[in-house]
Protein backbone atom coordinates (compact mmCIF):
# COMPACT_ATOMS: atom_id res chain seq x y z
CA UNK A 1 0.00 0.00 0.00
CA UNK A 2 2.78 2.41 0.91
CA UNK A 3 4.51 1.70 -2.39
CA UNK A 4 1.34 2.49 -4.35
CA UNK A 5 0.97 5.81 -2.53
CA UNK A 6 4.64 6.61 -3.13
CA UNK A 7 4.30 5.84 -6.85
CA UNK A 8 1.19 8.05 -7.08
CA UNK A 9 3.07 10.88 -5.38
CA UNK A 10 5.94 10.50 -7.84
CA UNK A 11 3.54 10.64 -10.77
CA UNK A 12 2.07 13.87 -9.41
CA UNK A 13 5.54 15.33 -8.87
CA UNK A 14 6.63 14.51 -12.42
CA UNK A 15 3.42 15.93 -13.89
CA UNK A 16 3.80 19.12 -11.87
CA UNK A 17 7.22 19.69 -13.38
CA UNK A 18 5.92 19.26 -16.93
CA UNK A 19 8.34 19.93 -19.79
CA UNK A 20 10.20 22.89 -18.29
CA UNK A 21 12.09 20.65 -15.81
CA UNK A 22 12.00 17.30 -17.61
CA UNK A 23 15.64 16.56 -16.74
CA UNK A 24 14.95 16.99 -13.03
CA UNK A 25 11.85 14.78 -13.26
CA UNK A 26 13.86 11.99 -14.91
CA UNK A 27 16.53 12.25 -12.21
CA UNK A 28 13.87 12.06 -9.48
CA UNK A 29 12.41 8.93 -11.05
CA UNK A 30 15.82 7.26 -11.18
CA UNK A 31 16.54 8.16 -7.56
CA UNK A 32 13.08 6.92 -6.55
CA UNK A 33 13.98 3.39 -7.64
CA UNK A 34 17.06 3.47 -5.40
CA UNK A 35 15.04 4.89 -2.48
CA UNK A 36 12.40 2.19 -2.98
CA UNK A 37 15.02 -0.54 -2.76
CA UNK A 38 16.30 1.02 0.47
CA UNK A 39 12.77 1.17 1.91
CA UNK A 40 12.47 4.97 1.83
CA UNK A 41 10.09 5.30 -1.11
CA UNK A 42 7.31 7.19 0.67
CA UNK A 43 9.47 9.82 2.32
CA UNK A 44 11.46 10.34 -0.88
CA UNK A 45 8.29 10.70 -2.96
CA UNK A 46 6.88 13.19 -0.45
CA UNK A 47 10.03 15.30 -0.70
CA UNK A 48 9.91 15.19 -4.49
CA UNK A 49 6.28 16.29 -4.48
CA UNK A 50 7.04 19.22 -2.18
CA UNK A 51 9.96 20.26 -4.36
CA UNK A 52 7.84 20.04 -7.49
CA UNK A 53 5.08 22.14 -5.91
CA UNK A 54 7.62 24.82 -5.03
CA UNK A 55 8.86 24.84 -8.61
CA UNK A 56 5.37 25.14 -10.17
CA UNK A 57 4.88 28.76 -9.17
CA UNK A 58 8.11 29.89 -10.86
CA UNK A 59 6.77 29.35 -14.39
CA UNK A 60 3.90 30.98 -16.25
CA UNK A 61 2.00 27.78 -17.04
CA UNK A 62 2.34 26.72 -13.39
CA UNK A 63 0.90 30.00 -12.15
CA UNK A 64 -2.00 29.60 -14.60
CA UNK A 65 -2.69 26.10 -13.30
CA UNK A 66 -2.63 27.30 -9.69
CA UNK A 67 -5.02 30.15 -10.53
CA UNK A 68 -7.36 27.70 -12.26
CA UNK A 69 -7.39 25.39 -9.24
CA UNK A 70 -8.09 28.28 -6.87
CA UNK A 71 -10.93 29.42 -9.12
CA UNK A 72 -12.42 25.94 -9.08
CA UNK A 73 -12.07 25.52 -5.33
CA UNK A 74 -12.97 29.10 -4.38
CA UNK A 75 -15.91 29.71 -6.70
CA UNK A 76 -17.28 26.61 -8.36
CA UNK A 77 -17.28 24.27 -5.35
CA UNK A 78 -19.14 26.71 -3.05
CA UNK A 79 -21.68 27.40 -5.79
CA UNK A 80 -22.24 23.67 -6.19
CA UNK A 81 -22.84 23.37 -2.47
CA UNK A 82 -25.26 26.26 -2.60
CA UNK A 83 -27.19 24.64 -5.42
CA UNK A 84 -27.39 21.36 -3.55
CA UNK A 85 -28.60 23.01 -0.35
CA UNK A 86 -31.45 25.00 -1.96
CA UNK A 87 -34.52 22.86 -2.58
CA UNK A 88 -36.30 23.55 -5.82
CA UNK A 89 -40.07 24.00 -5.91
CA UNK A 90 -40.43 20.93 -8.09
CA UNK A 91 -38.74 18.65 -5.54
CA UNK A 92 -40.49 20.16 -2.50
CA UNK A 93 -43.91 19.64 -4.10
CA UNK A 94 -43.01 16.03 -4.76
CA UNK A 95 -42.06 15.43 -1.13
CA UNK A 96 -45.17 17.23 0.20
CA UNK A 97 -47.56 14.86 -1.58
PDB file of N, CA and C in Angstrom:
ATOM      1  N   UNK A   1       0.823  -1.196   0.000  1.00  0.00           N
ATOM      2  CA  UNK A   1       0.000   0.000   0.000  1.00  0.00           C
ATOM      3  C   UNK A   1       0.868   1.261   0.000  1.00  0.00           C
ATOM      4  N   UNK A   2       1.910   1.247   0.848  1.00  0.00           N
ATOM      5  CA  UNK A   2       2.784   2.414   0.906  1.00  0.00           C
ATOM      6  C   UNK A   2       3.470   2.652  -0.434  1.00  0.00           C
ATOM      7  N   UNK A   3       3.827   1.564  -1.103  1.00  0.00           N
ATOM      8  CA  UNK A   3       4.509   1.700  -2.391  1.00  0.00           C
ATOM      9  C   UNK A   3       3.567   2.298  -3.441  1.00  0.00           C
ATOM     10  N   UNK A   4       2.306   1.932  -3.400  1.00  0.00           N
ATOM     11  CA  UNK A   4       1.337   2.489  -4.347  1.00  0.00           C
ATOM     12  C   UNK A   4       1.151   3.994  -4.109  1.00  0.00           C
ATOM     13  N   UNK A   5       1.094   4.388  -2.859  1.00  0.00           N
ATOM     14  CA  UNK A   5       0.969   5.814  -2.530  1.00  0.00           C
ATOM     15  C   UNK A   5       2.218   6.567  -2.975  1.00  0.00           C
ATOM     16  N   UNK A   6       3.382   5.967  -2.735  1.00  0.00           N
ATOM     17  CA  UNK A   6       4.637   6.606  -3.134  1.00  0.00           C
ATOM     18  C   UNK A   6       4.712   6.768  -4.650  1.00  0.00           C
ATOM     19  N   UNK A   7       4.289   5.747  -5.380  1.00  0.00           N
ATOM     20  CA  UNK A   7       4.300   5.843  -6.853  1.00  0.00           C
ATOM     21  C   UNK A   7       3.330   6.925  -7.343  1.00  0.00           C
ATOM     22  N   UNK A   8       2.163   7.012  -6.705  1.00  0.00           N
ATOM     23  CA  UNK A   8       1.195   8.051  -7.083  1.00  0.00           C
ATOM     24  C   UNK A   8       1.758   9.447  -6.813  1.00  0.00           C
ATOM     25  N   UNK A   9       2.455   9.593  -5.696  1.00  0.00           N
ATOM     26  CA  UNK A   9       3.068  10.884  -5.378  1.00  0.00           C
ATOM     27  C   UNK A   9       4.153  11.235  -6.390  1.00  0.00           C
ATOM     28  N   UNK A  10       4.907  10.251  -6.826  1.00  0.00           N
ATOM     29  CA  UNK A  10       5.944  10.501  -7.837  1.00  0.00           C
ATOM     30  C   UNK A  10       5.326  10.897  -9.165  1.00  0.00           C
ATOM     31  N   UNK A  11       4.226  10.265  -9.527  1.00  0.00           N
ATOM     32  CA  UNK A  11       3.539  10.637 -10.773  1.00  0.00           C
ATOM     33  C   UNK A  11       3.071  12.084 -10.700  1.00  0.00           C
ATOM     34  N   UNK A  12       2.506  12.477  -9.557  1.00  0.00           N
ATOM     35  CA  UNK A  12       2.069  13.868  -9.409  1.00  0.00           C
ATOM     36  C   UNK A  12       3.249  14.829  -9.480  1.00  0.00           C
ATOM     37  N   UNK A  13       4.364  14.456  -8.858  1.00  0.00           N
ATOM     38  CA  UNK A  13       5.544  15.329  -8.873  1.00  0.00           C
ATOM     39  C   UNK A  13       6.059  15.511 -10.300  1.00  0.00           C
ATOM     40  N   UNK A  14       6.139  14.431 -11.049  1.00  0.00           N
ATOM     41  CA  UNK A  14       6.633  14.513 -12.423  1.00  0.00           C
ATOM     42  C   UNK A  14       5.685  15.330 -13.286  1.00  0.00           C
ATOM     43  N   UNK A  15       4.393  15.163 -13.099  1.00  0.00           N
ATOM     44  CA  UNK A  15       3.419  15.927 -13.890  1.00  0.00           C
ATOM     45  C   UNK A  15       3.427  17.402 -13.519  1.00  0.00           C
ATOM     46  N   UNK A  16       3.710  17.707 -12.268  1.00  0.00           N
ATOM     47  CA  UNK A  16       3.802  19.116 -11.865  1.00  0.00           C
ATOM     48  C   UNK A  16       4.965  19.811 -12.562  1.00  0.00           C
ATOM     49  N   UNK A  17       6.043  19.084 -12.766  1.00  0.00           N
ATOM     50  CA  UNK A  17       7.222  19.692 -13.381  1.00  0.00           C
ATOM     51  C   UNK A  17       7.054  19.899 -14.876  1.00  0.00           C
ATOM     52  N   UNK A  18       6.218  19.110 -15.511  1.00  0.00           N
ATOM     53  CA  UNK A  18       5.919  19.257 -16.933  1.00  0.00           C
ATOM     54  C   UNK A  18       7.192  19.231 -17.777  1.00  0.00           C
ATOM     55  N   UNK A  19       7.204  19.964 -18.866  1.00  0.00           N
ATOM     56  CA  UNK A  19       8.344  19.932 -19.787  1.00  0.00           C
ATOM     57  C   UNK A  19       9.470  20.877 -19.392  1.00  0.00           C
ATOM     58  N   UNK A  20       9.169  21.891 -18.584  1.00  0.00           N
ATOM     59  CA  UNK A  20      10.198  22.885 -18.290  1.00  0.00           C
ATOM     60  C   UNK A  20      11.294  22.352 -17.370  1.00  0.00           C
ATOM     61  N   UNK A  21      11.058  21.273 -16.656  1.00  0.00           N
ATOM     62  CA  UNK A  21      12.088  20.654 -15.809  1.00  0.00           C
ATOM     63  C   UNK A  21      12.122  19.147 -16.027  1.00  0.00           C
ATOM     64  N   UNK A  22      12.029  18.727 -17.276  1.00  0.00           N
ATOM     65  CA  UNK A  22      11.999  17.303 -17.614  1.00  0.00           C
ATOM     66  C   UNK A  22      13.248  16.572 -17.108  1.00  0.00           C
ATOM     67  N   UNK A  23      14.414  17.206 -17.195  1.00  0.00           N
ATOM     68  CA  UNK A  23      15.643  16.560 -16.739  1.00  0.00           C
ATOM     69  C   UNK A  23      15.601  16.269 -15.243  1.00  0.00           C
ATOM     70  N   UNK A  24      15.059  17.184 -14.464  1.00  0.00           N
ATOM     71  CA  UNK A  24      14.953  16.991 -13.029  1.00  0.00           C
ATOM     72  C   UNK A  24      13.955  15.869 -12.717  1.00  0.00           C
ATOM     73  N   UNK A  25      12.857  15.826 -13.466  1.00  0.00           N
ATOM     74  CA  UNK A  25      11.851  14.780 -13.256  1.00  0.00           C
ATOM     75  C   UNK A  25      12.442  13.395 -13.537  1.00  0.00           C
ATOM     76  N   UNK A  26      13.228  13.283 -14.592  1.00  0.00           N
ATOM     77  CA  UNK A  26      13.862  11.991 -14.907  1.00  0.00           C
ATOM     78  C   UNK A  26      14.849  11.584 -13.818  1.00  0.00           C
ATOM     79  N   UNK A  27      15.586  12.542 -13.289  1.00  0.00           N
ATOM     80  CA  UNK A  27      16.527  12.252 -12.205  1.00  0.00           C
ATOM     81  C   UNK A  27      15.784  11.804 -10.944  1.00  0.00           C
ATOM     82  N   UNK A  28      14.662  12.449 -10.644  1.00  0.00           N
ATOM     83  CA  UNK A  28      13.871  12.057  -9.478  1.00  0.00           C
ATOM     84  C   UNK A  28      13.358  10.632  -9.633  1.00  0.00           C
ATOM     85  N   UNK A  29      12.918  10.278 -10.834  1.00  0.00           N
ATOM     86  CA  UNK A  29      12.414   8.929 -11.046  1.00  0.00           C
ATOM     87  C   UNK A  29      13.514   7.894 -10.864  1.00  0.00           C
ATOM     88  N   UNK A  30      14.702   8.186 -11.345  1.00  0.00           N
ATOM     89  CA  UNK A  30      15.819   7.260 -11.183  1.00  0.00           C
ATOM     90  C   UNK A  30      16.196   7.109  -9.709  1.00  0.00           C
ATOM     91  N   UNK A  31      16.211   8.209  -8.981  1.00  0.00           N
ATOM     92  CA  UNK A  31      16.539   8.155  -7.557  1.00  0.00           C
ATOM     93  C   UNK A  31      15.432   7.480  -6.755  1.00  0.00           C
ATOM     94  N   UNK A  32      14.201   7.569  -7.243  1.00  0.00           N
ATOM     95  CA  UNK A  32      13.085   6.921  -6.555  1.00  0.00           C
ATOM     96  C   UNK A  32      13.278   5.407  -6.518  1.00  0.00           C
ATOM     97  N   UNK A  33      13.751   4.837  -7.609  1.00  0.00           N
ATOM     98  CA  UNK A  33      13.977   3.390  -7.638  1.00  0.00           C
ATOM     99  C   UNK A  33      14.999   2.973  -6.589  1.00  0.00           C
ATOM    100  N   UNK A  34      16.042   3.766  -6.414  1.00  0.00           N
ATOM    101  CA  UNK A  34      17.063   3.474  -5.402  1.00  0.00           C
ATOM    102  C   UNK A  34      16.469   3.624  -3.998  1.00  0.00           C
ATOM    103  N   UNK A  35      15.678   4.674  -3.795  1.00  0.00           N
ATOM    104  CA  UNK A  35      15.045   4.890  -2.484  1.00  0.00           C
ATOM    105  C   UNK A  35      14.052   3.778  -2.172  1.00  0.00           C
ATOM    106  N   UNK A  36      13.360   3.281  -3.187  1.00  0.00           N
ATOM    107  CA  UNK A  36      12.398   2.192  -2.977  1.00  0.00           C
ATOM    108  C   UNK A  36      13.112   0.916  -2.542  1.00  0.00           C
ATOM    109  N   UNK A  37      14.246   0.647  -3.143  1.00  0.00           N
ATOM    110  CA  UNK A  37      15.016  -0.537  -2.758  1.00  0.00           C
ATOM    111  C   UNK A  37      15.527  -0.422  -1.318  1.00  0.00           C
ATOM    112  N   UNK A  38      15.816   0.792  -0.888  1.00  0.00           N
ATOM    113  CA  UNK A  38      16.301   1.021   0.472  1.00  0.00           C
ATOM    114  C   UNK A  38      15.160   1.100   1.488  1.00  0.00           C
ATOM    115  N   UNK A  39      13.916   1.105   1.018  1.00  0.00           N
ATOM    116  CA  UNK A  39      12.768   1.173   1.914  1.00  0.00           C
ATOM    117  C   UNK A  39      12.338   2.576   2.276  1.00  0.00           C
ATOM    118  N   UNK A  40      12.814   3.573   1.545  1.00  0.00           N
ATOM    119  CA  UNK A  40      12.474   4.966   1.829  1.00  0.00           C
ATOM    120  C   UNK A  40      11.633   5.600   0.727  1.00  0.00           C
ATOM    121  N   UNK A  41      10.835   4.812   0.050  1.00  0.00           N
ATOM    122  CA  UNK A  41      10.094   5.301  -1.110  1.00  0.00           C
ATOM    123  C   UNK A  41       9.100   6.406  -0.748  1.00  0.00           C
ATOM    124  N   UNK A  42       8.361   6.221   0.325  1.00  0.00           N
ATOM    125  CA  UNK A  42       7.311   7.186   0.671  1.00  0.00           C
ATOM    126  C   UNK A  42       7.884   8.536   1.077  1.00  0.00           C
ATOM    127  N   UNK A  43       8.896   8.543   1.902  1.00  0.00           N
ATOM    128  CA  UNK A  43       9.473   9.824   2.320  1.00  0.00           C
ATOM    129  C   UNK A  43      10.178  10.518   1.154  1.00  0.00           C
ATOM    130  N   UNK A  44      10.816   9.742   0.284  1.00  0.00           N
ATOM    131  CA  UNK A  44      11.464  10.338  -0.878  1.00  0.00           C
ATOM    132  C   UNK A  44      10.421  10.941  -1.825  1.00  0.00           C
ATOM    133  N   UNK A  45       9.347  10.212  -2.069  1.00  0.00           N
ATOM    134  CA  UNK A  45       8.292  10.701  -2.960  1.00  0.00           C
ATOM    135  C   UNK A  45       7.647  11.961  -2.400  1.00  0.00           C
ATOM    136  N   UNK A  46       7.459  12.007  -1.077  1.00  0.00           N
ATOM    137  CA  UNK A  46       6.879  13.192  -0.452  1.00  0.00           C
ATOM    138  C   UNK A  46       7.789  14.402  -0.643  1.00  0.00           C
ATOM    139  N   UNK A  47       9.075  14.208  -0.473  1.00  0.00           N
ATOM    140  CA  UNK A  47      10.031  15.297  -0.701  1.00  0.00           C
ATOM    141  C   UNK A  47      10.053  15.764  -2.142  1.00  0.00           C
ATOM    142  N   UNK A  48       9.952  14.825  -3.064  1.00  0.00           N
ATOM    143  CA  UNK A  48       9.907  15.188  -4.488  1.00  0.00           C
ATOM    144  C   UNK A  48       8.651  15.995  -4.812  1.00  0.00           C
ATOM    145  N   UNK A  49       7.528  15.577  -4.229  1.00  0.00           N
ATOM    146  CA  UNK A  49       6.280  16.295  -4.481  1.00  0.00           C
ATOM    147  C   UNK A  49       6.334  17.714  -3.928  1.00  0.00           C
ATOM    148  N   UNK A  50       6.889  17.870  -2.732  1.00  0.00           N
ATOM    149  CA  UNK A  50       7.035  19.215  -2.176  1.00  0.00           C
ATOM    150  C   UNK A  50       7.944  20.084  -3.041  1.00  0.00           C
ATOM    151  N   UNK A  51       9.051  19.513  -3.497  1.00  0.00           N
ATOM    152  CA  UNK A  51       9.962  20.258  -4.364  1.00  0.00           C
ATOM    153  C   UNK A  51       9.322  20.648  -5.678  1.00  0.00           C
ATOM    154  N   UNK A  52       8.521  19.744  -6.231  1.00  0.00           N
ATOM    155  CA  UNK A  52       7.836  20.042  -7.490  1.00  0.00           C
ATOM    156  C   UNK A  52       6.801  21.144  -7.296  1.00  0.00           C
ATOM    157  N   UNK A  53       6.082  21.099  -6.169  1.00  0.00           N
ATOM    158  CA  UNK A  53       5.084  22.141  -5.911  1.00  0.00           C
ATOM    159  C   UNK A  53       5.731  23.507  -5.739  1.00  0.00           C
ATOM    160  N   UNK A  54       6.906  23.533  -5.152  1.00  0.00           N
ATOM    161  CA  UNK A  54       7.616  24.818  -5.030  1.00  0.00           C
ATOM    162  C   UNK A  54       8.037  25.351  -6.397  1.00  0.00           C
ATOM    163  N   UNK A  55       8.371  24.457  -7.279  1.00  0.00           N
ATOM    164  CA  UNK A  55       8.857  24.842  -8.606  1.00  0.00           C
ATOM    165  C   UNK A  55       7.724  25.304  -9.529  1.00  0.00           C
ATOM    166  N   UNK A  56       6.509  24.825  -9.294  1.00  0.00           N
ATOM    167  CA  UNK A  56       5.374  25.145 -10.172  1.00  0.00           C
ATOM    168  C   UNK A  56       5.139  26.645 -10.277  1.00  0.00           C
ATOM    169  N   UNK A  57       5.223  27.336  -9.165  1.00  0.00           N
ATOM    170  CA  UNK A  57       4.879  28.762  -9.168  1.00  0.00           C
ATOM    171  C   UNK A  57       5.930  29.642  -9.843  1.00  0.00           C
ATOM    172  N   UNK A  58       7.061  29.082 -10.226  1.00  0.00           N
ATOM    173  CA  UNK A  58       8.107  29.888 -10.856  1.00  0.00           C
ATOM    174  C   UNK A  58       7.944  30.012 -12.368  1.00  0.00           C
ATOM    175  N   UNK A  59       6.971  29.304 -12.946  1.00  0.00           N
ATOM    176  CA  UNK A  59       6.765  29.348 -14.388  1.00  0.00           C
ATOM    177  C   UNK A  59       5.340  29.786 -14.709  1.00  0.00           C
ATOM    178  N   UNK A  60       5.182  30.391 -15.871  1.00  0.00           N
ATOM    179  CA  UNK A  60       3.902  30.976 -16.255  1.00  0.00           C
ATOM    180  C   UNK A  60       2.788  29.934 -16.317  1.00  0.00           C
ATOM    181  N   UNK A  61       3.056  28.796 -16.931  1.00  0.00           N
ATOM    182  CA  UNK A  61       1.997  27.779 -17.035  1.00  0.00           C
ATOM    183  C   UNK A  61       1.658  27.210 -15.659  1.00  0.00           C
ATOM    184  N   UNK A  62       2.611  27.161 -14.758  1.00  0.00           N
ATOM    185  CA  UNK A  62       2.336  26.716 -13.393  1.00  0.00           C
ATOM    186  C   UNK A  62       1.457  27.695 -12.645  1.00  0.00           C
ATOM    187  N   UNK A  63       1.735  28.974 -12.814  1.00  0.00           N
ATOM    188  CA  UNK A  63       0.902  29.996 -12.153  1.00  0.00           C
ATOM    189  C   UNK A  63      -0.519  29.964 -12.700  1.00  0.00           C
ATOM    190  N   UNK A  64      -0.670  29.706 -14.004  1.00  0.00           N
ATOM    191  CA  UNK A  64      -2.000  29.604 -14.599  1.00  0.00           C
ATOM    192  C   UNK A  64      -2.747  28.403 -14.024  1.00  0.00           C
ATOM    193  N   UNK A  65      -2.054  27.289 -13.867  1.00  0.00           N
ATOM    194  CA  UNK A  65      -2.692  26.096 -13.299  1.00  0.00           C
ATOM    195  C   UNK A  65      -3.132  26.351 -11.863  1.00  0.00           C
ATOM    196  N   UNK A  66      -2.281  26.991 -11.082  1.00  0.00           N
ATOM    197  CA  UNK A  66      -2.626  27.298  -9.691  1.00  0.00           C
ATOM    198  C   UNK A  66      -3.843  28.221  -9.640  1.00  0.00           C
ATOM    199  N   UNK A  67      -3.867  29.229 -10.498  1.00  0.00           N
ATOM    200  CA  UNK A  67      -5.015  30.151 -10.533  1.00  0.00           C
ATOM    201  C   UNK A  67      -6.289  29.411 -10.926  1.00  0.00           C
ATOM    202  N   UNK A  68      -6.185  28.475 -11.847  1.00  0.00           N
ATOM    203  CA  UNK A  68      -7.357  27.696 -12.257  1.00  0.00           C
ATOM    204  C   UNK A  68      -7.885  26.843 -11.111  1.00  0.00           C
ATOM    205  N   UNK A  69      -6.974  26.219 -10.361  1.00  0.00           N
ATOM    206  CA  UNK A  69      -7.394  25.393  -9.237  1.00  0.00           C
ATOM    207  C   UNK A  69      -8.051  26.242  -8.150  1.00  0.00           C
ATOM    208  N   UNK A  70      -7.480  27.411  -7.870  1.00  0.00           N
ATOM    209  CA  UNK A  70      -8.089  28.284  -6.872  1.00  0.00           C
ATOM    210  C   UNK A  70      -9.463  28.774  -7.323  1.00  0.00           C
ATOM    211  N   UNK A  71      -9.626  29.021  -8.609  1.00  0.00           N
ATOM    212  CA  UNK A  71     -10.934  29.417  -9.123  1.00  0.00           C
ATOM    213  C   UNK A  71     -11.938  28.290  -8.913  1.00  0.00           C
ATOM    214  N   UNK A  72     -11.518  27.077  -9.237  1.00  0.00           N
ATOM    215  CA  UNK A  72     -12.422  25.942  -9.078  1.00  0.00           C
ATOM    216  C   UNK A  72     -12.787  25.723  -7.613  1.00  0.00           C
ATOM    217  N   UNK A  73     -11.812  25.781  -6.747  1.00  0.00           N
ATOM    218  CA  UNK A  73     -12.072  25.523  -5.325  1.00  0.00           C
ATOM    219  C   UNK A  73     -12.808  26.692  -4.682  1.00  0.00           C
ATOM    220  N   UNK A  74     -12.412  27.919  -5.039  1.00  0.00           N
ATOM    221  CA  UNK A  74     -12.968  29.099  -4.382  1.00  0.00           C
ATOM    222  C   UNK A  74     -14.307  29.563  -4.894  1.00  0.00           C
ATOM    223  N   UNK A  75     -14.659  29.214  -6.127  1.00  0.00           N
ATOM    224  CA  UNK A  75     -15.913  29.706  -6.696  1.00  0.00           C
ATOM    225  C   UNK A  75     -16.859  28.569  -7.053  1.00  0.00           C
ATOM    226  N   UNK A  76     -16.394  27.638  -7.827  1.00  0.00           N
ATOM    227  CA  UNK A  76     -17.280  26.605  -8.364  1.00  0.00           C
ATOM    228  C   UNK A  76     -17.757  25.647  -7.276  1.00  0.00           C
ATOM    229  N   UNK A  77     -16.875  25.214  -6.400  1.00  0.00           N
ATOM    230  CA  UNK A  77     -17.279  24.271  -5.352  1.00  0.00           C
ATOM    231  C   UNK A  77     -18.302  24.898  -4.406  1.00  0.00           C
ATOM    232  N   UNK A  78     -18.100  26.127  -3.899  1.00  0.00           N
ATOM    233  CA  UNK A  78     -19.143  26.713  -3.047  1.00  0.00           C
ATOM    234  C   UNK A  78     -20.478  26.909  -3.776  1.00  0.00           C
ATOM    235  N   UNK A  79     -20.426  27.258  -5.039  1.00  0.00           N
ATOM    236  CA  UNK A  79     -21.680  27.403  -5.786  1.00  0.00           C
ATOM    237  C   UNK A  79     -22.392  26.063  -5.931  1.00  0.00           C
ATOM    238  N   UNK A  80     -21.636  25.004  -6.133  1.00  0.00           N
ATOM    239  CA  UNK A  80     -22.239  23.669  -6.192  1.00  0.00           C
ATOM    240  C   UNK A  80     -22.909  23.304  -4.876  1.00  0.00           C
ATOM    241  N   UNK A  81     -22.244  23.617  -3.779  1.00  0.00           N
ATOM    242  CA  UNK A  81     -22.838  23.365  -2.475  1.00  0.00           C
ATOM    243  C   UNK A  81     -24.096  24.178  -2.248  1.00  0.00           C
ATOM    244  N   UNK A  82     -24.080  25.403  -2.719  1.00  0.00           N
ATOM    245  CA  UNK A  82     -25.261  26.258  -2.596  1.00  0.00           C
ATOM    246  C   UNK A  82     -26.428  25.694  -3.400  1.00  0.00           C
ATOM    247  N   UNK A  83     -26.136  25.225  -4.595  1.00  0.00           N
ATOM    248  CA  UNK A  83     -27.192  24.641  -5.424  1.00  0.00           C
ATOM    249  C   UNK A  83     -27.761  23.372  -4.802  1.00  0.00           C
ATOM    250  N   UNK A  84     -26.921  22.595  -4.178  1.00  0.00           N
ATOM    251  CA  UNK A  84     -27.394  21.363  -3.551  1.00  0.00           C
ATOM    252  C   UNK A  84     -28.189  21.625  -2.282  1.00  0.00           C
ATOM    253  N   UNK A  85     -27.914  22.732  -1.606  1.00  0.00           N
ATOM    254  CA  UNK A  85     -28.603  23.011  -0.349  1.00  0.00           C
ATOM    255  C   UNK A  85     -29.941  23.717  -0.546  1.00  0.00           C
ATOM    256  N   UNK A  86     -30.197  24.291  -1.708  1.00  0.00           N
ATOM    257  CA  UNK A  86     -31.451  24.999  -1.958  1.00  0.00           C
ATOM    258  C   UNK A  86     -32.443  24.056  -2.636  1.00  0.00           C
ATOM    259  N   UNK A  87     -33.535  23.748  -1.952  1.00  0.00           N
ATOM    260  CA  UNK A  87     -34.522  22.863  -2.581  1.00  0.00           C
ATOM    261  C   UNK A  87     -35.281  23.607  -3.676  1.00  0.00           C
ATOM    262  N   UNK A  88     -35.519  22.931  -4.747  1.00  0.00           N
ATOM    263  CA  UNK A  88     -36.300  23.549  -5.823  1.00  0.00           C
ATOM    264  C   UNK A  88     -37.777  23.316  -5.554  1.00  0.00           C
ATOM    265  N   UNK A  89     -38.630  24.113  -6.134  1.00  0.00           N
ATOM    266  CA  UNK A  89     -40.068  24.000  -5.905  1.00  0.00           C
ATOM    267  C   UNK A  89     -40.606  22.681  -6.442  1.00  0.00           C
ATOM    268  N   UNK A  90     -40.003  22.179  -7.475  1.00  0.00           N
ATOM    269  CA  UNK A  90     -40.428  20.927  -8.087  1.00  0.00           C
ATOM    270  C   UNK A  90     -40.204  19.754  -7.129  1.00  0.00           C
ATOM    271  N   UNK A  91     -39.054  19.733  -6.463  1.00  0.00           N
ATOM    272  CA  UNK A  91     -38.743  18.652  -5.541  1.00  0.00           C
ATOM    273  C   UNK A  91     -39.542  18.781  -4.247  1.00  0.00           C
ATOM    274  N   UNK A  92     -39.760  19.991  -3.762  1.00  0.00           N
ATOM    275  CA  UNK A  92     -40.486  20.165  -2.501  1.00  0.00           C
ATOM    276  C   UNK A  92     -41.958  19.799  -2.678  1.00  0.00           C
ATOM    277  N   UNK A  93     -42.533  20.028  -3.848  1.00  0.00           N
ATOM    278  CA  UNK A  93     -43.912  19.642  -4.099  1.00  0.00           C
ATOM    279  C   UNK A  93     -44.029  18.118  -4.157  1.00  0.00           C
ATOM    280  N   UNK A  94     -43.021  17.471  -4.667  1.00  0.00           N
ATOM    281  CA  UNK A  94     -43.011  16.029  -4.763  1.00  0.00           C
ATOM    282  C   UNK A  94     -42.950  15.392  -3.375  1.00  0.00           C
ATOM    283  N   UNK A  95     -42.180  15.969  -2.468  1.00  0.00           N
ATOM    284  CA  UNK A  95     -42.064  15.433  -1.127  1.00  0.00           C
ATOM    285  C   UNK A  95     -43.281  15.759  -0.278  1.00  0.00           C
ATOM    286  N   UNK A  96     -44.003  16.829  -0.580  1.00  0.00           N
ATOM    287  CA  UNK A  96     -45.174  17.231   0.198  1.00  0.00           C
ATOM    288  C   UNK A  96     -46.360  16.304  -0.060  1.00  0.00           C
ATOM    289  N   UNK A  97     -46.406  15.703  -1.225  1.00  0.00           N
ATOM    290  CA  UNK A  97     -47.555  14.858  -1.584  1.00  0.00           C
ATOM    291  C   UNK A  97     -47.519  13.498  -0.971  1.00  0.00           C
TER     292      UNK A  97
END
